[in-house]
Amino acid sequence: MDINSKKILIVEDEEKIVEFIESYLLNSGYEVYKALRGYDALKLFNSQNIDLILLDLMLPDIGGE
């Protein structure tokens, strides 16, 4: 599989952290999705073919456990 077809979902409620990680991943050629809340992450996970999730365990709406 080509790196450009890899989809990564960032689930993090701190926007500055999301921006930092997203920038690095985009520069490395990944397709990046992001969610600031757990329920938004679930919607993205169910609608996209996500290859990897970077998950904050302490989210404001639901936990990442």
PDB file of N, CA and C in Angstrom:
ATOM      1  N   MET A   1       0.834  -1.180   0.000  1.00  0.00           N
ATOM      2  CA  MET A   1       0.000   0.000   0.000  1.00  0.00           C
ATOM      3  C   MET A   1       0.882   1.248   0.000  1.00  0.00           C
ATOM      4  N   ASP A   2       0.544   2.181  -0.820  1.00  0.00           N
ATOM      5  CA  ASP A   2       1.275   3.446  -0.917  1.00  0.00           C
ATOM      6  C   ASP A   2       0.993   4.317   0.310  1.00  0.00           C
ATOM      7  N   ILE A   3       2.009   4.996   0.824  1.00  0.00           N
ATOM      8  CA  ILE A   3       1.856   5.863   2.001  1.00  0.00           C
ATOM      9  C   ILE A   3       0.786   6.928   1.779  1.00  0.00           C
ATOM     10  N   ASN A   4       0.615   7.376   0.549  1.00  0.00           N
ATOM     11  CA  ASN A   4      -0.369   8.418   0.258  1.00  0.00           C
ATOM     12  C   ASN A   4      -1.797   7.941   0.437  1.00  0.00           C
ATOM     13  N   SER A   5      -2.009   6.636   0.452  1.00  0.00           N
ATOM     14  CA  SER A   5      -3.358   6.129   0.646  1.00  0.00           C
ATOM     15  C   SER A   5      -3.648   5.816   2.110  1.00  0.00           C
ATOM     16  N   LYS A   6      -2.694   6.034   3.002  1.00  0.00           N
ATOM     17  CA  LYS A   6      -2.899   5.781   4.425  1.00  0.00           C
ATOM     18  C   LYS A   6      -3.668   6.934   5.055  1.00  0.00           C
ATOM     19  N   LYS A   7      -4.739   6.581   5.764  1.00  0.00           N
ATOM     20  CA  LYS A   7      -5.579   7.580   6.419  1.00  0.00           C
ATOM     21  C   LYS A   7      -5.371   7.502   7.928  1.00  0.00           C
ATOM     22  N   ILE A   8      -5.048   8.651   8.522  1.00  0.00           N
ATOM     23  CA  ILE A   8      -4.818   8.718   9.960  1.00  0.00           C
ATOM     24  C   ILE A   8      -5.836   9.667  10.579  1.00  0.00           C
ATOM     25  N   LEU A   9      -6.455   9.206  11.650  1.00  0.00           N
ATOM     26  CA  LEU A   9      -7.424  10.004  12.397  1.00  0.00           C
ATOM     27  C   LEU A   9      -6.776  10.465  13.698  1.00  0.00           C
ATOM     28  N   ILE A  10      -6.733  11.776  13.898  1.00  0.00           N
ATOM     29  CA  ILE A  10      -6.228  12.368  15.141  1.00  0.00           C
ATOM     30  C   ILE A  10      -7.439  12.718  15.995  1.00  0.00           C
ATOM     31  N   VAL A  11      -7.484  12.176  17.201  1.00  0.00           N
ATOM     32  CA  VAL A  11      -8.570  12.475  18.139  1.00  0.00           C
ATOM     33  C   VAL A  11      -7.939  13.129  19.361  1.00  0.00           C
ATOM     34  N   GLU A  12      -8.104  14.432  19.453  1.00  0.00           N
ATOM     35  CA  GLU A  12      -7.440  15.228  20.497  1.00  0.00           C
ATOM     36  C   GLU A  12      -8.237  16.509  20.698  1.00  0.00           C
ATOM     37  N   ASP A  13      -8.474  16.886  21.955  1.00  0.00           N
ATOM     38  CA  ASP A  13      -9.276  18.083  22.218  1.00  0.00           C
ATOM     39  C   ASP A  13      -8.456  19.362  22.310  1.00  0.00           C
ATOM     40  N   GLU A  14      -7.151  19.269  22.303  1.00  0.00           N
ATOM     41  CA  GLU A  14      -6.294  20.460  22.310  1.00  0.00           C
ATOM     42  C   GLU A  14      -5.914  20.810  20.868  1.00  0.00           C
ATOM     43  N   GLU A  15      -6.467  21.912  20.358  1.00  0.00           N
ATOM     44  CA  GLU A  15      -6.291  22.269  18.954  1.00  0.00           C
ATOM     45  C   GLU A  15      -4.830  22.482  18.554  1.00  0.00           C
ATOM     46  N   LYS A  16      -4.033  23.045  19.432  1.00  0.00           N
ATOM     47  CA  LYS A  16      -2.609  23.272  19.108  1.00  0.00           C
ATOM     48  C   LYS A  16      -1.875  21.954  18.897  1.00  0.00           C
ATOM     49  N   ILE A  17      -2.213  20.945  19.692  1.00  0.00           N
ATOM     50  CA  ILE A  17      -1.596  19.623  19.532  1.00  0.00           C
ATOM     51  C   ILE A  17      -2.031  19.006  18.204  1.00  0.00           C
ATOM     52  N   VAL A  18      -3.305  19.152  17.882  1.00  0.00           N
ATOM     53  CA  VAL A  18      -3.826  18.630  16.610  1.00  0.00           C
ATOM     54  C   VAL A  18      -3.104  19.289  15.436  1.00  0.00           C
ATOM     55  N   GLU A  19      -2.944  20.608  15.490  1.00  0.00           N
ATOM     56  CA  GLU A  19      -2.268  21.333  14.408  1.00  0.00           C
ATOM     57  C   GLU A  19      -0.831  20.857  14.225  1.00  0.00           C
ATOM     58  N   PHE A  20      -0.121  20.643  15.315  1.00  0.00           N
ATOM     59  CA  PHE A  20       1.263  20.181  15.255  1.00  0.00           C
ATOM     60  C   PHE A  20       1.358  18.793  14.623  1.00  0.00           C
ATOM     61  N   ILE A  21       0.550  17.867  15.111  1.00  0.00           N
ATOM     62  CA  ILE A  21       0.579  16.492  14.587  1.00  0.00           C
ATOM     63  C   ILE A  21       0.129  16.468  13.136  1.00  0.00           C
ATOM     64  N   GLU A  22      -0.945  17.198  12.836  1.00  0.00           N
ATOM     65  CA  GLU A  22      -1.472  17.239  11.472  1.00  0.00           C
ATOM     66  C   GLU A  22      -0.416  17.755  10.488  1.00  0.00           C
ATOM     67  N   SER A  23       0.272  18.811  10.854  1.00  0.00           N
ATOM     68  CA  SER A  23       1.298  19.379   9.985  1.00  0.00           C
ATOM     69  C   SER A  23       2.382  18.353   9.670  1.00  0.00           C
ATOM     70  N   TYR A  24       2.854  17.679  10.671  1.00  0.00           N
ATOM     71  CA  TYR A  24       3.894  16.655  10.482  1.00  0.00           C
ATOM     72  C   TYR A  24       3.403  15.538   9.564  1.00  0.00           C
ATOM     73  N   LEU A  25       2.191  15.048   9.812  1.00  0.00           N
ATOM     74  CA  LEU A  25       1.662  13.935   9.023  1.00  0.00           C
ATOM     75  C   LEU A  25       1.392  14.339   7.572  1.00  0.00           C
ATOM     76  N   LEU A  26       0.844  15.538   7.370  1.00  0.00           N
ATOM     77  CA  LEU A  26       0.590  16.004   6.003  1.00  0.00           C
ATOM     78  C   LEU A  26       1.899  16.152   5.235  1.00  0.00           C
ATOM     79  N   ASN A  27       2.927  16.686   5.888  1.00  0.00           N
ATOM     80  CA  ASN A  27       4.234  16.826   5.239  1.00  0.00           C
ATOM     81  C   ASN A  27       4.869  15.477   4.937  1.00  0.00           C
ATOM     82  N   SER A  28       4.447  14.445   5.651  1.00  0.00           N
ATOM     83  CA  SER A  28       4.966  13.094   5.418  1.00  0.00           C
ATOM     84  C   SER A  28       4.136  12.332   4.393  1.00  0.00           C
ATOM     85  N   GLY A  29       3.071  12.957   3.874  1.00  0.00           N
ATOM     86  CA  GLY A  29       2.297  12.360   2.801  1.00  0.00           C
ATOM     87  C   GLY A  29       1.064  11.578   3.213  1.00  0.00           C
ATOM     88  N   TYR A  30       0.656  11.686   4.469  1.00  0.00           N
ATOM     89  CA  TYR A  30      -0.535  10.970   4.924  1.00  0.00           C
ATOM     90  C   TYR A  30      -1.794  11.792   4.682  1.00  0.00           C
ATOM     91  N   GLU A  31      -2.915  11.106   4.564  1.00  0.00           N
ATOM     92  CA  GLU A  31      -4.220  11.757   4.517  1.00  0.00           C
ATOM     93  C   GLU A  31      -4.695  11.844   5.964  1.00  0.00           C
ATOM     94  N   VAL A  32      -5.017  13.051   6.433  1.00  0.00           N
ATOM     95  CA  VAL A  32      -5.291  13.261   7.848  1.00  0.00           C
ATOM     96  C   VAL A  32      -6.741  13.684   8.069  1.00  0.00           C
ATOM     97  N   TYR A  33      -7.353  13.043   9.039  1.00  0.00           N
ATOM     98  CA  TYR A  33      -8.671  13.427   9.528  1.00  0.00           C
ATOM     99  C   TYR A  33      -8.493  13.807  10.984  1.00  0.00           C
ATOM    100  N   LYS A  34      -9.336  14.698  11.472  1.00  0.00           N
ATOM    101  CA  LYS A  34      -9.186  15.118  12.857  1.00  0.00           C
ATOM    102  C   LYS A  34     -10.535  15.316  13.521  1.00  0.00           C
ATOM    103  N   ALA A  35     -10.557  15.031  14.815  1.00  0.00           N
ATOM    104  CA  ALA A  35     -11.766  15.206  15.611  1.00  0.00           C
ATOM    105  C   ALA A  35     -11.362  15.742  16.973  1.00  0.00           C
ATOM    106  N   LEU A  36     -12.098  16.736  17.442  1.00  0.00           N
ATOM    107  CA  LEU A  36     -11.825  17.323  18.748  1.00  0.00           C
ATOM    108  C   LEU A  36     -12.659  16.677  19.847  1.00  0.00           C
ATOM    109  N   ARG A  37     -13.611  15.863  19.460  1.00  0.00           N
ATOM    110  CA  ARG A  37     -14.503  15.198  20.419  1.00  0.00           C
ATOM    111  C   ARG A  37     -14.649  13.726  20.038  1.00  0.00           C
ATOM    112  N   GLY A  38     -14.922  12.914  21.024  1.00  0.00           N
ATOM    113  CA  GLY A  38     -15.028  11.475  20.804  1.00  0.00           C
ATOM    114  C   GLY A  38     -16.142  11.074  19.855  1.00  0.00           C
ATOM    115  N   TYR A  39     -17.317  11.699  20.002  1.00  0.00           N
ATOM    116  CA  TYR A  39     -18.431  11.342  19.129  1.00  0.00           C
ATOM    117  C   TYR A  39     -18.158  11.711  17.669  1.00  0.00           C
ATOM    118  N   ASP A  40     -17.454  12.813  17.447  1.00  0.00           N
ATOM    119  CA  ASP A  40     -17.064  13.184  16.086  1.00  0.00           C
ATOM    120  C   ASP A  40     -16.076  12.156  15.519  1.00  0.00           C
ATOM    121  N   ALA A  41     -15.195  11.668  16.378  1.00  0.00           N
ATOM    122  CA  ALA A  41     -14.236  10.641  15.949  1.00  0.00           C
ATOM    123  C   ALA A  41     -14.952   9.362  15.538  1.00  0.00           C
ATOM    124  N   LEU A  42     -15.963   8.976  16.296  1.00  0.00           N
ATOM    125  CA  LEU A  42     -16.724   7.770  15.947  1.00  0.00           C
ATOM    126  C   LEU A  42     -17.409   7.910  14.591  1.00  0.00           C
ATOM    127  N   LYS A  43     -17.964   9.094  14.328  1.00  0.00           N
ATOM    128  CA  LYS A  43     -18.605   9.333  13.029  1.00  0.00           C
ATOM    129  C   LYS A  43     -17.589   9.210  11.894  1.00  0.00           C
ATOM    130  N   LEU A  44     -16.413   9.819  12.069  1.00  0.00           N
ATOM    131  CA  LEU A  44     -15.372   9.738  11.035  1.00  0.00           C
ATOM    132  C   LEU A  44     -14.890   8.301  10.863  1.00  0.00           C
ATOM    133  N   PHE A  45     -14.693   7.607  11.962  1.00  0.00           N
ATOM    134  CA  PHE A  45     -14.229   6.224  11.899  1.00  0.00           C
ATOM    135  C   PHE A  45     -15.213   5.351  11.126  1.00  0.00           C
ATOM    136  N   ASN A  46     -16.497   5.579  11.335  1.00  0.00           N
ATOM    137  CA  ASN A  46     -17.521   4.781  10.668  1.00  0.00           C
ATOM    138  C   ASN A  46     -17.731   5.167   9.206  1.00  0.00           C
ATOM    139  N   SER A  47     -17.310   6.366   8.821  1.00  0.00           N
ATOM    140  CA  SER A  47     -17.551   6.816   7.450  1.00  0.00           C
ATOM    141  C   SER A  47     -16.312   6.741   6.553  1.00  0.00           C
ATOM    142  N   GLN A  48     -15.141   6.557   7.139  1.00  0.00           N
ATOM    143  CA  GLN A  48     -13.898   6.514   6.365  1.00  0.00           C
ATOM    144  C   GLN A  48     -13.191   5.179   6.628  1.00  0.00           C
ATOM    145  N   ASN A  49     -12.302   4.829   5.760  1.00  0.00           N
ATOM    146  CA  ASN A  49     -11.503   3.615   5.938  1.00  0.00           C
ATOM    147  C   ASN A  49     -10.187   4.012   6.613  1.00  0.00           C
ATOM    148  N   ILE A  50     -10.243   4.236   7.917  1.00  0.00           N
ATOM    149  CA  ILE A  50      -9.110   4.741   8.697  1.00  0.00           C
ATOM    150  C   ILE A  50      -8.092   3.620   8.927  1.00  0.00           C
ATOM    151  N   ASP A  51      -6.805   3.939   8.701  1.00  0.00           N
ATOM    152  CA  ASP A  51      -5.734   2.968   8.913  1.00  0.00           C
ATOM    153  C   ASP A  51      -5.132   3.046  10.313  1.00  0.00           C
ATOM    154  N   LEU A  52      -5.128   4.237  10.907  1.00  0.00           N
ATOM    155  CA  LEU A  52      -4.507   4.428  12.209  1.00  0.00           C
ATOM    156  C   LEU A  52      -5.218   5.550  12.955  1.00  0.00           C
ATOM    157  N   ILE A  53      -5.405   5.365  14.265  1.00  0.00           N
ATOM    158  CA  ILE A  53      -6.008   6.398  15.102  1.00  0.00           C
ATOM    159  C   ILE A  53      -4.999   6.810  16.164  1.00  0.00           C
ATOM    160  N   LEU A  54      -4.751   8.121  16.260  1.00  0.00           N
ATOM    161  CA  LEU A  54      -3.957   8.687  17.341  1.00  0.00           C
ATOM    162  C   LEU A  54      -4.969   9.261  18.321  1.00  0.00           C
ATOM    163  N   LEU A  55      -5.089   8.639  19.491  1.00  0.00           N
ATOM    164  CA  LEU A  55      -6.221   8.893  20.374  1.00  0.00           C
ATOM    165  C   LEU A  55      -5.814   9.447  21.736  1.00  0.00           C
ATOM    166  N   ASP A  56      -6.391  10.582  22.076  1.00  0.00           N
ATOM    167  CA  ASP A  56      -6.287  11.147  23.416  1.00  0.00           C
ATOM    168  C   ASP A  56      -7.269  10.370  24.298  1.00  0.00           C
ATOM    169  N   LEU A  57      -6.824   9.859  25.428  1.00  0.00           N
ATOM    170  CA  LEU A  57      -7.697   9.057  26.284  1.00  0.00           C
ATOM    171  C   LEU A  57      -8.627   9.896  27.143  1.00  0.00           C
ATOM    172  N   MET A  58      -8.317  11.181  27.319  1.00  0.00           N
ATOM    173  CA  MET A  58      -9.151  12.040  28.179  1.00  0.00           C
ATOM    174  C   MET A  58      -9.827  13.105  27.335  1.00  0.00           C
ATOM    175  N   LEU A  59     -10.972  12.753  26.781  1.00  0.00           N
ATOM    176  CA  LEU A  59     -11.743  13.658  25.942  1.00  0.00           C
ATOM    177  C   LEU A  59     -12.910  14.250  26.747  1.00  0.00           C
ATOM    178  N   PRO A  60     -13.425  15.411  26.328  1.00  0.00           N
ATOM    179  CA  PRO A  60     -14.478  16.056  27.102  1.00  0.00           C
ATOM    180  C   PRO A  60     -15.831  15.337  27.075  1.00  0.00           C
ATOM    181  N   ASP A  61     -16.139  14.612  25.997  1.00  0.00           N
ATOM    182  CA  ASP A  61     -17.461  13.998  25.914  1.00  0.00           C
ATOM    183  C   ASP A  61     -17.466  12.508  26.250  1.00  0.00           C
ATOM    184  N   ILE A  62     -16.550  11.757  25.686  1.00  0.00           N
ATOM    185  CA  ILE A  62     -16.419  10.339  26.024  1.00  0.00           C
ATOM    186  C   ILE A  62     -14.942  10.019  26.152  1.00  0.00           C
ATOM    187  N   GLY A  63     -14.622   9.050  26.979  1.00  0.00           N
ATOM    188  CA  GLY A  63     -13.230   8.660  27.164  1.00  0.00           C
ATOM    189  C   GLY A  63     -12.728   7.844  25.995  1.00  0.00           C
ATOM    190  N   GLY A  64     -11.426   7.853  25.801  1.00  0.00           N
ATOM    191  CA  GLY A  64     -10.824   7.128  24.695  1.00  0.00           C
ATOM    192  C   GLY A  64     -10.462   5.691  25.005  1.00  0.00           C
ATOM    193  N   GLU A  65     -10.854   5.198  26.184  1.00  0.00           N
ATOM    194  CA  GLU A  65     -10.496   3.837  26.553  1.00  0.00           C
ATOM    195  C   GLU A  65     -11.148   2.812  25.675  1.00  0.00           C
TER     196      GLU A  65
END
